[in-house]
């Protein structure tokens, strides 16, 4: 977690200004780590979007969302009601990009495909600024 804390302090904190909204995918891993850091370290507005239902998310992701909610920091959880398959995850990611002014992606180091790159490519097609931070 320490490694990610430094990453978030350097690259998320400059954008975590009053009145700013962050949309997060509500998944385990980097989504949950970013949600917890934003909950504890900022006053930004937080919206979590899930492809199907919150109950379908992995346990550690649900726990991170519950932590943000219990802290009074979570504005909204959006359940898109889609499938728990690639199409559902892509729809969730498009939903978040469509509402964002900028996209920050944390792809796995050494990869050039997958959901994060799909999301970054979608943002590029919409001419939205992107920051790519491989982890």
C-alpha atoms as a PDB file:
ATOM      1  CA  UNK A   1       0.000   0.000   0.000  1.00  0.00           C
ATOM      2  CA  UNK A   2       2.907   2.367   0.704  1.00  0.00           C
ATOM      3  CA  UNK A   3       3.996   2.245  -2.940  1.00  0.00           C
ATOM      4  CA  UNK A   4       0.508   3.241  -4.038  1.00  0.00           C
ATOM      5  CA  UNK A   5       0.201   5.973  -1.439  1.00  0.00           C
ATOM      6  CA  UNK A   6       3.235   7.706  -2.950  1.00  0.00           C
ATOM      7  CA  UNK A   7       1.854   7.223  -6.454  1.00  0.00           C
ATOM      8  CA  UNK A   8      -1.496   8.728  -5.450  1.00  0.00           C
ATOM      9  CA  UNK A   9       0.138  11.624  -3.607  1.00  0.00           C
ATOM     10  CA  UNK A  10       2.213  12.499  -6.633  1.00  0.00           C
ATOM     11  CA  UNK A  11      -0.315  11.965  -9.428  1.00  0.00           C
ATOM     12  CA  UNK A  12      -3.842  12.102  -7.967  1.00  0.00           C
ATOM     13  CA  UNK A  13      -3.418  14.775  -5.307  1.00  0.00           C
ATOM     14  CA  UNK A  14      -2.853  17.631  -7.807  1.00  0.00           C
ATOM     15  CA  UNK A  15      -6.296  16.908  -9.286  1.00  0.00           C
ATOM     16  CA  UNK A  16      -8.050  16.231  -5.975  1.00  0.00           C
ATOM     17  CA  UNK A  17      -9.334  19.776  -5.520  1.00  0.00           C
ATOM     18  CA  UNK A  18     -12.516  20.951  -3.801  1.00  0.00           C
ATOM     19  CA  UNK A  19     -15.525  20.409  -6.024  1.00  0.00           C
ATOM     20  CA  UNK A  20     -13.840  17.807  -8.224  1.00  0.00           C
ATOM     21  CA  UNK A  21     -15.581  14.473  -8.758  1.00  0.00           C
ATOM     22  CA  UNK A  22     -13.712  11.194  -9.201  1.00  0.00           C
ATOM     23  CA  UNK A  23     -15.427   8.263 -10.895  1.00  0.00           C
ATOM     24  CA  UNK A  24     -14.029   4.883  -9.855  1.00  0.00           C
ATOM     25  CA  UNK A  25     -14.762   1.434 -11.210  1.00  0.00           C
ATOM     26  CA  UNK A  26     -15.435  -0.258  -7.890  1.00  0.00           C
ATOM     27  CA  UNK A  27     -13.206  -3.240  -8.660  1.00  0.00           C
ATOM     28  CA  UNK A  28     -10.588  -4.883  -6.488  1.00  0.00           C
ATOM     29  CA  UNK A  29      -6.977  -3.812  -6.803  1.00  0.00           C
ATOM     30  CA  UNK A  30      -6.102  -0.303  -7.922  1.00  0.00           C
ATOM     31  CA  UNK A  31      -9.753   0.827  -7.988  1.00  0.00           C
ATOM     32  CA  UNK A  32     -10.191  -0.043  -4.320  1.00  0.00           C
ATOM     33  CA  UNK A  33      -6.791   1.340  -3.331  1.00  0.00           C
ATOM     34  CA  UNK A  34      -7.509   4.653  -5.062  1.00  0.00           C
ATOM     35  CA  UNK A  35     -10.982   4.830  -3.505  1.00  0.00           C
ATOM     36  CA  UNK A  36      -9.579   4.296  -0.022  1.00  0.00           C
ATOM     37  CA  UNK A  37      -6.817   6.877  -0.533  1.00  0.00           C
ATOM     38  CA  UNK A  38      -9.250   9.463  -1.919  1.00  0.00           C
ATOM     39  CA  UNK A  39     -11.614   8.751   0.993  1.00  0.00           C
ATOM     40  CA  UNK A  40      -8.928   9.284   3.613  1.00  0.00           C
ATOM     41  CA  UNK A  41      -6.779  11.994   2.066  1.00  0.00           C
ATOM     42  CA  UNK A  42      -9.087  14.285   0.087  1.00  0.00           C
ATOM     43  CA  UNK A  43     -12.441  16.005   0.125  1.00  0.00           C
ATOM     44  CA  UNK A  44     -13.333  15.261  -3.513  1.00  0.00           C
ATOM     45  CA  UNK A  45     -16.722  13.937  -4.520  1.00  0.00           C
ATOM     46  CA  UNK A  46     -16.679  10.177  -5.079  1.00  0.00           C
ATOM     47  CA  UNK A  47     -18.870   8.123  -7.389  1.00  0.00           C
ATOM     48  CA  UNK A  48     -18.356   4.398  -7.812  1.00  0.00           C
ATOM     49  CA  UNK A  49     -19.800   2.661 -10.867  1.00  0.00           C
ATOM     50  CA  UNK A  50     -20.179  -1.106 -11.069  1.00  0.00           C
ATOM     51  CA  UNK A  51     -21.032  -3.070 -14.217  1.00  0.00           C
ATOM     52  CA  UNK A  52     -23.867  -5.081 -12.672  1.00  0.00           C
ATOM     53  CA  UNK A  53     -24.787  -4.833  -8.976  1.00  0.00           C
ATOM     54  CA  UNK A  54     -22.716  -3.889  -5.962  1.00  0.00           C
ATOM     55  CA  UNK A  55     -23.423  -7.330  -4.500  1.00  0.00           C
ATOM     56  CA  UNK A  56     -21.618  -8.862  -7.507  1.00  0.00           C
ATOM     57  CA  UNK A  57     -18.332  -7.090  -6.769  1.00  0.00           C
ATOM     58  CA  UNK A  58     -15.476  -8.987  -5.067  1.00  0.00           C
ATOM     59  CA  UNK A  59     -15.487  -8.879  -1.264  1.00  0.00           C
ATOM     60  CA  UNK A  60     -12.452  -6.587  -0.946  1.00  0.00           C
ATOM     61  CA  UNK A  61     -13.985  -4.125  -3.415  1.00  0.00           C
ATOM     62  CA  UNK A  62     -17.287  -4.135  -1.494  1.00  0.00           C
ATOM     63  CA  UNK A  63     -15.309  -3.515   1.711  1.00  0.00           C
ATOM     64  CA  UNK A  64     -13.522  -0.491   0.214  1.00  0.00           C
ATOM     65  CA  UNK A  65     -16.853   0.909  -0.963  1.00  0.00           C
ATOM     66  CA  UNK A  66     -18.371   0.311   2.497  1.00  0.00           C
ATOM     67  CA  UNK A  67     -15.411   2.097   4.108  1.00  0.00           C
ATOM     68  CA  UNK A  68     -15.967   5.147   1.890  1.00  0.00           C
ATOM     69  CA  UNK A  69     -19.697   5.072   2.595  1.00  0.00           C
ATOM     70  CA  UNK A  70     -19.234   4.665   6.363  1.00  0.00           C
ATOM     71  CA  UNK A  71     -16.847   7.632   6.350  1.00  0.00           C
ATOM     72  CA  UNK A  72     -19.564   9.741   4.720  1.00  0.00           C
ATOM     73  CA  UNK A  73     -17.370  10.225   1.671  1.00  0.00           C
ATOM     74  CA  UNK A  74     -19.218   8.265  -1.004  1.00  0.00           C
ATOM     75  CA  UNK A  75     -21.721  10.346  -2.938  1.00  0.00           C
ATOM     76  CA  UNK A  76     -23.136   7.588  -5.093  1.00  0.00           C
ATOM     77  CA  UNK A  77     -22.848   3.972  -6.163  1.00  0.00           C
ATOM     78  CA  UNK A  78     -24.170   3.464  -9.682  1.00  0.00           C
ATOM     79  CA  UNK A  79     -25.258  -0.075 -10.482  1.00  0.00           C
ATOM     80  CA  UNK A  80     -25.416  -0.335 -14.269  1.00  0.00           C
ATOM     81  CA  UNK A  81     -27.161  -3.718 -14.308  1.00  0.00           C
ATOM     82  CA  UNK A  82     -25.038  -5.097 -17.138  1.00  0.00           C
ATOM     83  CA  UNK A  83     -23.393  -8.465 -17.517  1.00  0.00           C
ATOM     84  CA  UNK A  84     -20.375  -9.561 -15.489  1.00  0.00           C
ATOM     85  CA  UNK A  85     -18.398 -10.028 -18.679  1.00  0.00           C
ATOM     86  CA  UNK A  86     -16.220  -7.907 -20.935  1.00  0.00           C
ATOM     87  CA  UNK A  87     -19.227  -6.085 -22.407  1.00  0.00           C
ATOM     88  CA  UNK A  88     -20.409  -5.055 -18.935  1.00  0.00           C
ATOM     89  CA  UNK A  89     -16.987  -3.823 -17.842  1.00  0.00           C
ATOM     90  CA  UNK A  90     -16.529  -1.864 -21.067  1.00  0.00           C
ATOM     91  CA  UNK A  91     -19.980  -0.294 -20.648  1.00  0.00           C
ATOM     92  CA  UNK A  92     -19.075   0.720 -17.091  1.00  0.00           C
ATOM     93  CA  UNK A  93     -15.801   2.249 -18.260  1.00  0.00           C
ATOM     94  CA  UNK A  94     -17.502   4.166 -21.092  1.00  0.00           C
ATOM     95  CA  UNK A  95     -20.088   5.446 -18.593  1.00  0.00           C
ATOM     96  CA  UNK A  96     -17.301   6.836 -16.391  1.00  0.00           C
ATOM     97  CA  UNK A  97     -15.340   8.355 -19.304  1.00  0.00           C
ATOM     98  CA  UNK A  98     -18.476   9.992 -20.716  1.00  0.00           C
ATOM     99  CA  UNK A  99     -18.871  11.883 -17.430  1.00  0.00           C
ATOM    100  CA  UNK A 100     -15.212  12.758 -16.937  1.00  0.00           C
ATOM    101  CA  UNK A 101     -13.116  15.694 -18.053  1.00  0.00           C
ATOM    102  CA  UNK A 102      -9.895  13.677 -17.745  1.00  0.00           C
ATOM    103  CA  UNK A 103      -9.036   9.996 -17.392  1.00  0.00           C
ATOM    104  CA  UNK A 104      -6.276   8.610 -15.198  1.00  0.00           C
ATOM    105  CA  UNK A 105      -5.432   4.992 -15.933  1.00  0.00           C
ATOM    106  CA  UNK A 106      -3.299   2.553 -13.959  1.00  0.00           C
ATOM    107  CA  UNK A 107      -2.626  -0.352 -16.367  1.00  0.00           C
ATOM    108  CA  UNK A 108      -0.553  -3.330 -15.333  1.00  0.00           C
ATOM    109  CA  UNK A 109       3.080  -2.743 -16.209  1.00  0.00           C
ATOM    110  CA  UNK A 110       4.146  -4.645 -19.302  1.00  0.00           C
ATOM    111  CA  UNK A 111       0.657  -4.857 -20.798  1.00  0.00           C
ATOM    112  CA  UNK A 112      -0.788  -3.029 -23.764  1.00  0.00           C
ATOM    113  CA  UNK A 113      -4.270  -4.539 -23.797  1.00  0.00           C
ATOM    114  CA  UNK A 114      -7.122  -5.046 -21.380  1.00  0.00           C
ATOM    115  CA  UNK A 115      -9.810  -2.977 -19.741  1.00  0.00           C
ATOM    116  CA  UNK A 116      -7.622  -0.065 -18.713  1.00  0.00           C
ATOM    117  CA  UNK A 117      -6.267   0.380 -22.235  1.00  0.00           C
ATOM    118  CA  UNK A 118      -9.773  -0.005 -23.657  1.00  0.00           C
ATOM    119  CA  UNK A 119     -10.856   2.840 -21.374  1.00  0.00           C
ATOM    120  CA  UNK A 120      -7.878   5.033 -22.258  1.00  0.00           C
ATOM    121  CA  UNK A 121      -8.447   4.422 -25.978  1.00  0.00           C
ATOM    122  CA  UNK A 122     -12.124   5.308 -25.598  1.00  0.00           C
ATOM    123  CA  UNK A 123     -11.138   8.556 -23.862  1.00  0.00           C
ATOM    124  CA  UNK A 124      -8.678   9.296 -26.672  1.00  0.00           C
ATOM    125  CA  UNK A 125     -11.451   8.879 -29.264  1.00  0.00           C
ATOM    126  CA  UNK A 126     -13.399  11.525 -27.346  1.00  0.00           C
ATOM    127  CA  UNK A 127     -10.316  13.809 -27.242  1.00  0.00           C
ATOM    128  CA  UNK A 128     -10.233  13.690 -23.443  1.00  0.00           C
ATOM    129  CA  UNK A 129      -6.919  14.210 -21.678  1.00  0.00           C
ATOM    130  CA  UNK A 130      -5.391  11.052 -20.265  1.00  0.00           C
ATOM    131  CA  UNK A 131      -2.652  10.227 -17.827  1.00  0.00           C
ATOM    132  CA  UNK A 132      -1.249   6.685 -17.959  1.00  0.00           C
ATOM    133  CA  UNK A 133       0.534   5.392 -14.858  1.00  0.00           C
ATOM    134  CA  UNK A 134       1.628   1.756 -15.238  1.00  0.00           C
ATOM    135  CA  UNK A 135       1.725  -0.174 -11.961  1.00  0.00           C
END
